[in-house]
PDB file of N, CA and C in Angstrom:
ATOM      1  N   MET A   1     -13.253 -72.468  34.326  1.00  0.00           N
ATOM      2  CA  MET A   1     -14.243 -71.395  33.760  1.00  0.00           C
ATOM      3  C   MET A   1     -13.437 -71.107  32.451  1.00  0.00           C
ATOM      4  N   PRO A   2     -13.882 -71.597  31.204  1.00  0.00           N
ATOM      5  CA  PRO A   2     -13.178 -71.282  30.125  1.00  0.00           C
ATOM      6  C   PRO A   2     -13.776 -69.561  29.750  1.00  0.00           C
ATOM      7  N   ARG A   3     -12.469 -69.014  29.477  1.00  0.00           N
ATOM      8  CA  ARG A   3     -12.440 -67.439  28.864  1.00  0.00           C
ATOM      9  C   ARG A   3     -12.964 -67.614  27.544  1.00  0.00           C
ATOM     10  N   PRO A   4     -13.808 -66.297  26.978  1.00  0.00           N
ATOM     11  CA  PRO A   4     -13.730 -66.114  25.763  1.00  0.00           C
ATOM     12  C   PRO A   4     -12.427 -65.504  24.882  1.00  0.00           C
ATOM     13  N   ILE A   5     -12.253 -66.237  23.865  1.00  0.00           N
ATOM     14  CA  ILE A   5     -10.975 -65.772  23.130  1.00  0.00           C
ATOM     15  C   ILE A   5     -11.359 -65.233  21.670  1.00  0.00           C
ATOM     16  N   ASN A   6     -11.001 -64.690  21.670  1.00  0.00           N
ATOM     17  CA  ASN A   6     -10.747 -63.881  20.132  1.00  0.00           C
ATOM     18  C   ASN A   6      -9.868 -63.650  19.346  1.00  0.00           C
ATOM     19  N   ALA A   7      -9.226 -64.403  18.238  1.00  0.00           N
ATOM     20  CA  ALA A   7      -8.611 -63.910  17.270  1.00  0.00           C
ATOM     21  C   ALA A   7      -8.936 -63.676  16.111  1.00  0.00           C
ATOM     22  N   TYR A   8      -8.201 -62.703  15.297  1.00  0.00           N
ATOM     23  CA  TYR A   8      -8.297 -62.059  14.172  1.00  0.00           C
ATOM     24  C   TYR A   8      -7.385 -62.234  13.069  1.00  0.00           C
ATOM     25  N   VAL A   9      -7.968 -62.378  11.889  1.00  0.00           N
ATOM     26  CA  VAL A   9      -6.736 -62.457  11.036  1.00  0.00           C
ATOM     27  C   VAL A   9      -6.741 -61.425   9.890  1.00  0.00           C
ATOM     28  N   HIS A  10      -5.499 -60.536   9.881  1.00  0.00           N
ATOM     29  CA  HIS A  10      -5.325 -59.511   9.078  1.00  0.00           C
ATOM     30  C   HIS A  10      -4.356 -59.848   7.961  1.00  0.00           C
ATOM     31  N   PRO A  11      -5.302 -60.045   6.746  1.00  0.00           N
ATOM     32  CA  PRO A  11      -4.444 -60.429   5.448  1.00  0.00           C
ATOM     33  C   PRO A  11      -2.996 -59.516   5.307  1.00  0.00           C
ATOM     34  N   ASP A  12      -3.662 -58.097   5.914  1.00  0.00           N
ATOM     35  CA  ASP A  12      -2.320 -57.042   5.188  1.00  0.00           C
ATOM     36  C   ASP A  12      -1.241 -57.656   6.390  1.00  0.00           C
ATOM     37  N   ALA A  13      -1.402 -57.868   7.554  1.00  0.00           N
ATOM     38  CA  ALA A  13      -0.423 -58.151   8.314  1.00  0.00           C
ATOM     39  C   ALA A  13      -0.011 -59.289   8.045  1.00  0.00           C
ATOM     40  N   VAL A  14      -0.448 -60.308   7.562  1.00  0.00           N
ATOM     41  CA  VAL A  14      -0.087 -61.552   7.064  1.00  0.00           C
ATOM     42  C   VAL A  14       0.955 -61.111   5.837  1.00  0.00           C
ATOM     43  N   GLU A  15       0.685 -60.427   4.769  1.00  0.00           N
ATOM     44  CA  GLU A  15       1.714 -59.945   4.011  1.00  0.00           C
ATOM     45  C   GLU A  15       2.734 -59.156   4.146  1.00  0.00           C
ATOM     46  N   HIS A  16       2.726 -58.485   5.238  1.00  0.00           N
ATOM     47  CA  HIS A  16       3.676 -57.745   5.718  1.00  0.00           C
ATOM     48  C   HIS A  16       4.512 -58.900   6.267  1.00  0.00           C
ATOM     49  N   ASN A  17       4.165 -59.510   7.021  1.00  0.00           N
ATOM     50  CA  ASN A  17       4.937 -60.531   7.829  1.00  0.00           C
ATOM     51  C   ASN A  17       5.993 -61.179   6.808  1.00  0.00           C
ATOM     52  N   LEU A  18       5.115 -61.812   5.494  1.00  0.00           N
ATOM     53  CA  LEU A  18       5.905 -62.786   4.447  1.00  0.00           C
ATOM     54  C   LEU A  18       6.968 -61.790   3.731  1.00  0.00           C
ATOM     55  N   GLN A  19       6.688 -60.386   3.665  1.00  0.00           N
ATOM     56  CA  GLN A  19       7.600 -59.440   3.148  1.00  0.00           C
ATOM     57  C   GLN A  19       9.015 -59.704   3.692  1.00  0.00           C
ATOM     58  N   VAL A  20       8.638 -59.213   5.160  1.00  0.00           N
ATOM     59  CA  VAL A  20       9.814 -59.077   5.935  1.00  0.00           C
ATOM     60  C   VAL A  20      10.804 -60.381   5.857  1.00  0.00           C
ATOM     61  N   VAL A  21       9.984 -61.496   5.881  1.00  0.00           N
ATOM     62  CA  VAL A  21      10.900 -62.890   5.566  1.00  0.00           C
ATOM     63  C   VAL A  21      11.440 -62.896   4.294  1.00  0.00           C
ATOM     64  N   GLN A  22      10.699 -62.330   3.206  1.00  0.00           N
ATOM     65  CA  GLN A  22      11.365 -62.471   1.973  1.00  0.00           C
ATOM     66  C   GLN A  22      12.395 -61.492   1.968  1.00  0.00           C
ATOM     67  N   ARG A  23      12.203 -60.562   2.601  1.00  0.00           N
ATOM     68  CA  ARG A  23      13.817 -59.808   2.629  1.00  0.00           C
ATOM     69  C   ARG A  23      14.687 -59.953   3.301  1.00  0.00           C
ATOM     70  N   MET A  24      14.575 -60.840   4.442  1.00  0.00           N
ATOM     71  CA  MET A  24      15.844 -61.246   5.008  1.00  0.00           C
ATOM     72  C   MET A  24      16.138 -62.694   4.929  1.00  0.00           C
ATOM     73  N   ALA A  25      15.375 -63.574   3.752  1.00  0.00           N
ATOM     74  CA  ALA A  25      16.073 -64.446   3.210  1.00  0.00           C
ATOM     75  C   ALA A  25      16.057 -64.508   1.766  1.00  0.00           C
ATOM     76  N   ARG A  26      16.499 -63.472   1.143  1.00  0.00           N
ATOM     77  CA  ARG A  26      16.400 -62.720   0.122  1.00  0.00           C
ATOM     78  C   ARG A  26      16.952 -64.073  -0.949  1.00  0.00           C
ATOM     79  N   LYS A  27      17.774 -65.102  -0.910  1.00  0.00           N
ATOM     80  CA  LYS A  27      18.175 -66.068  -1.684  1.00  0.00           C
ATOM     81  C   LYS A  27      17.593 -67.390  -1.539  1.00  0.00           C
ATOM     82  N   SER A  28      16.650 -67.348  -0.888  1.00  0.00           N
ATOM     83  CA  SER A  28      15.849 -68.558  -0.471  1.00  0.00           C
ATOM     84  C   SER A  28      14.284 -68.158  -1.079  1.00  0.00           C
ATOM     85  N   GLN A  29      13.630 -69.506  -1.197  1.00  0.00           N
ATOM     86  CA  GLN A  29      12.123 -69.860  -1.478  1.00  0.00           C
ATOM     87  C   GLN A  29      11.588 -69.536  -0.136  1.00  0.00           C
ATOM     88  N   VAL A  30      10.436 -69.039  -0.129  1.00  0.00           N
ATOM     89  CA  VAL A  30       9.749 -68.610   0.916  1.00  0.00           C
ATOM     90  C   VAL A  30       8.391 -69.339   0.970  1.00  0.00           C
ATOM     91  N   TRP A  31       8.011 -70.334   1.320  1.00  0.00           N
ATOM     92  CA  TRP A  31       6.665 -71.236   1.456  1.00  0.00           C
ATOM     93  C   TRP A  31       5.667 -70.533   2.576  1.00  0.00           C
ATOM     94  N   ALA A  32       4.465 -70.398   2.379  1.00  0.00           N
ATOM     95  CA  ALA A  32       3.769 -70.411   3.545  1.00  0.00           C
ATOM     96  C   ALA A  32       2.993 -71.929   3.802  1.00  0.00           C
ATOM     97  N   VAL A  33       3.242 -71.993   4.931  1.00  0.00           N
ATOM     98  CA  VAL A  33       2.698 -73.403   5.578  1.00  0.00           C
ATOM     99  C   VAL A  33       0.997 -73.051   6.551  1.00  0.00           C
ATOM    100  N   VAL A  34       0.497 -73.956   5.586  1.00  0.00           N
ATOM    101  CA  VAL A  34      -1.019 -73.416   6.605  1.00  0.00           C
ATOM    102  C   VAL A  34      -1.426 -74.499   6.927  1.00  0.00           C
ATOM    103  N   LYS A  35      -1.665 -74.864   8.288  1.00  0.00           N
ATOM    104  CA  LYS A  35      -2.195 -76.054   9.042  1.00  0.00           C
ATOM    105  C   LYS A  35      -3.980 -75.762   9.460  1.00  0.00           C
ATOM    106  N   ALA A  36      -4.535 -76.724   9.558  1.00  0.00           N
ATOM    107  CA  ALA A  36      -5.731 -76.906  10.147  1.00  0.00           C
ATOM    108  C   ALA A  36      -6.714 -75.653   9.635  1.00  0.00           C
ATOM    109  N   ASN A  37      -6.917 -75.766   8.352  1.00  0.00           N
ATOM    110  CA  ASN A  37      -7.740 -74.723   7.679  1.00  0.00           C
ATOM    111  C   ASN A  37      -7.250 -73.425   8.840  1.00  0.00           C
ATOM    112  N   ALA A  38      -6.150 -72.941   8.637  1.00  0.00           N
ATOM    113  CA  ALA A  38      -5.661 -71.742   9.159  1.00  0.00           C
ATOM    114  C   ALA A  38      -6.084 -71.431  10.703  1.00  0.00           C
ATOM    115  N   TYR A  39      -5.974 -73.074  11.208  1.00  0.00           N
ATOM    116  CA  TYR A  39      -6.425 -72.814  12.455  1.00  0.00           C
ATOM    117  C   TYR A  39      -7.769 -72.286  12.790  1.00  0.00           C
ATOM    118  N   GLY A  40      -8.650 -72.701  11.757  1.00  0.00           N
ATOM    119  CA  GLY A  40     -10.179 -72.478  12.181  1.00  0.00           C
ATOM    120  C   GLY A  40     -10.608 -71.474  11.626  1.00  0.00           C
ATOM    121  N   HIS A  41      -9.791 -70.279  11.126  1.00  0.00           N
ATOM    122  CA  HIS A  41     -10.014 -69.259  10.585  1.00  0.00           C
ATOM    123  C   HIS A  41     -10.328 -68.944   9.099  1.00  0.00           C
ATOM    124  N   GLY A  42     -10.092 -70.406   8.482  1.00  0.00           N
ATOM    125  CA  GLY A  42     -10.612 -70.387   6.734  1.00  0.00           C
ATOM    126  C   GLY A  42      -9.525 -69.997   6.299  1.00  0.00           C
ATOM    127  N   ILE A  43      -9.290 -71.035   5.036  1.00  0.00           N
ATOM    128  CA  ILE A  43      -7.917 -70.871   4.380  1.00  0.00           C
ATOM    129  C   ILE A  43      -7.867 -69.432   3.479  1.00  0.00           C
ATOM    130  N   GLU A  44      -9.539 -69.315   3.030  1.00  0.00           N
ATOM    131  CA  GLU A  44      -9.805 -68.023   2.282  1.00  0.00           C
ATOM    132  C   GLU A  44      -9.308 -66.671   2.940  1.00  0.00           C
ATOM    133  N   ARG A  45      -9.358 -66.799   4.102  1.00  0.00           N
ATOM    134  CA  ARG A  45      -8.981 -65.425   5.073  1.00  0.00           C
ATOM    135  C   ARG A  45      -7.478 -65.181   4.638  1.00  0.00           C
ATOM    136  N   VAL A  46      -6.709 -66.264   4.947  1.00  0.00           N
ATOM    137  CA  VAL A  46      -5.253 -65.932   4.821  1.00  0.00           C
ATOM    138  C   VAL A  46      -4.637 -65.871   3.490  1.00  0.00           C
ATOM    139  N   PHE A  47      -5.270 -66.409   2.674  1.00  0.00           N
ATOM    140  CA  PHE A  47      -4.536 -66.745   1.242  1.00  0.00           C
ATOM    141  C   PHE A  47      -4.440 -65.386   0.664  1.00  0.00           C
ATOM    142  N   PRO A  48      -5.063 -64.359   0.737  1.00  0.00           N
ATOM    143  CA  PRO A  48      -4.463 -62.737   0.402  1.00  0.00           C
ATOM    144  C   PRO A  48      -3.084 -62.508   0.692  1.00  0.00           C
ATOM    145  N   GLY A  49      -2.895 -62.791   2.105  1.00  0.00           N
ATOM    146  CA  GLY A  49      -1.705 -62.339   2.735  1.00  0.00           C
ATOM    147  C   GLY A  49      -0.473 -63.251   1.977  1.00  0.00           C
ATOM    148  N   PHE A  50      -1.129 -64.592   1.620  1.00  0.00           N
ATOM    149  CA  PHE A  50       0.337 -65.426   1.238  1.00  0.00           C
ATOM    150  C   PHE A  50       0.169 -65.461  -0.273  1.00  0.00           C
ATOM    151  N   LYS A  51      -0.392 -64.626  -1.365  1.00  0.00           N
ATOM    152  CA  LYS A  51      -0.130 -64.701  -2.670  1.00  0.00           C
ATOM    153  C   LYS A  51       1.093 -64.512  -3.094  1.00  0.00           C
ATOM    154  N   ALA A  52       1.850 -63.935  -2.395  1.00  0.00           N
ATOM    155  CA  ALA A  52       3.676 -63.530  -2.728  1.00  0.00           C
ATOM    156  C   ALA A  52       4.301 -64.476  -2.524  1.00  0.00           C
ATOM    157  N   ALA A  53       4.044 -65.580  -2.026  1.00  0.00           N
ATOM    158  CA  ALA A  53       4.738 -67.206  -1.336  1.00  0.00           C
ATOM    159  C   ALA A  53       5.231 -67.562  -2.585  1.00  0.00           C
ATOM    160  N   ASP A  54       6.465 -68.089  -2.532  1.00  0.00           N
ATOM    161  CA  ASP A  54       6.672 -69.043  -3.666  1.00  0.00           C
ATOM    162  C   ASP A  54       5.989 -70.495  -3.662  1.00  0.00           C
ATOM    163  N   GLY A  55       5.192 -70.675  -2.566  1.00  0.00           N
ATOM    164  CA  GLY A  55       4.348 -71.956  -2.926  1.00  0.00           C
ATOM    165  C   GLY A  55       3.340 -71.747  -1.359  1.00  0.00           C
ATOM    166  N   ILE A  56       2.659 -72.552  -1.052  1.00  0.00           N
ATOM    167  CA  ILE A  56       1.587 -72.931  -0.211  1.00  0.00           C
ATOM    168  C   ILE A  56       1.818 -74.448  -0.014  1.00  0.00           C
ATOM    169  N   ALA A  57       2.411 -74.634   1.244  1.00  0.00           N
ATOM    170  CA  ALA A  57       1.993 -75.738   1.925  1.00  0.00           C
ATOM    171  C   ALA A  57       0.680 -76.444   2.572  1.00  0.00           C
ATOM    172  N   LEU A  58       0.185 -77.087   2.419  1.00  0.00           N
ATOM    173  CA  LEU A  58      -0.647 -77.579   2.657  1.00  0.00           C
ATOM    174  C   LEU A  58      -0.796 -79.093   3.292  1.00  0.00           C
ATOM    175  N   LEU A  59      -1.747 -79.085   4.147  1.00  0.00           N
ATOM    176  CA  LEU A  59      -1.669 -80.957   4.295  1.00  0.00           C
ATOM    177  C   LEU A  59      -3.499 -81.457   3.859  1.00  0.00           C
ATOM    178  N   ASP A  60      -4.218 -80.722   3.479  1.00  0.00           N
ATOM    179  CA  ASP A  60      -5.604 -81.286   3.220  1.00  0.00           C
ATOM    180  C   ASP A  60      -5.700 -80.724   2.046  1.00  0.00           C
ATOM    181  N   LEU A  61      -6.085 -81.899   1.289  1.00  0.00           N
ATOM    182  CA  LEU A  61      -6.502 -81.729  -0.010  1.00  0.00           C
ATOM    183  C   LEU A  61      -7.687 -80.867  -0.545  1.00  0.00           C
ATOM    184  N   GLU A  62      -8.760 -80.858   0.243  1.00  0.00           N
ATOM    185  CA  GLU A  62      -9.652 -80.026   0.067  1.00  0.00           C
ATOM    186  C   GLU A  62      -9.254 -78.395  -0.057  1.00  0.00           C
ATOM    187  N   GLU A  63      -8.167 -78.189   1.047  1.00  0.00           N
ATOM    188  CA  GLU A  63      -7.462 -76.938   1.129  1.00  0.00           C
ATOM    189  C   GLU A  63      -6.944 -76.392  -0.140  1.00  0.00           C
ATOM    190  N   ALA A  64      -6.175 -77.691  -0.569  1.00  0.00           N
ATOM    191  CA  ALA A  64      -5.356 -77.274  -2.122  1.00  0.00           C
ATOM    192  C   ALA A  64      -6.482 -76.915  -3.083  1.00  0.00           C
ATOM    193  N   VAL A  65      -7.434 -77.372  -3.183  1.00  0.00           N
ATOM    194  CA  VAL A  65      -8.158 -77.310  -4.260  1.00  0.00           C
ATOM    195  C   VAL A  65      -8.944 -75.719  -4.042  1.00  0.00           C
ATOM    196  N   ARG A  66      -9.177 -75.432  -2.710  1.00  0.00           N
ATOM    197  CA  ARG A  66      -9.921 -74.282  -2.722  1.00  0.00           C
ATOM    198  C   ARG A  66      -8.601 -73.127  -2.691  1.00  0.00           C
ATOM    199  N   ILE A  67      -7.573 -73.344  -2.627  1.00  0.00           N
ATOM    200  CA  ILE A  67      -6.585 -72.353  -2.853  1.00  0.00           C
ATOM    201  C   ILE A  67      -6.378 -72.114  -4.585  1.00  0.00           C
ATOM    202  N   ARG A  68      -6.399 -73.251  -5.216  1.00  0.00           N
ATOM    203  CA  ARG A  68      -6.260 -73.163  -6.553  1.00  0.00           C
ATOM    204  C   ARG A  68      -7.632 -72.773  -7.240  1.00  0.00           C
ATOM    205  N   GLU A  69      -8.559 -72.628  -6.399  1.00  0.00           N
ATOM    206  CA  GLU A  69      -9.734 -71.729  -7.312  1.00  0.00           C
ATOM    207  C   GLU A  69      -9.584 -70.833  -7.281  1.00  0.00           C
ATOM    208  N   LEU A  70      -8.913 -70.203  -5.662  1.00  0.00           N
ATOM    209  CA  LEU A  70      -8.653 -69.027  -5.456  1.00  0.00           C
ATOM    210  C   LEU A  70      -7.784 -68.001  -6.510  1.00  0.00           C
ATOM    211  N   GLY A  71      -7.222 -68.953  -7.112  1.00  0.00           N
ATOM    212  CA  GLY A  71      -6.169 -68.195  -8.051  1.00  0.00           C
ATOM    213  C   GLY A  71      -4.721 -68.587  -7.600  1.00  0.00           C
TER     214      GLY A  71
END
């Protein structure tokens, strides 16, 4: 019997985690890698947390277009 599973995306937490990685890798570019429409949560939900990344790596061209439209 499958259990109901809830997963939540908190853009503030995503942004915080990105900042931690950027501090730890000061001399490196840090790219966000987003797969499968943010694992089904929607690229729009995670984008605010990744705005400060040096880039966003996506597999799906439609997601790339949506990211560009978001700024």
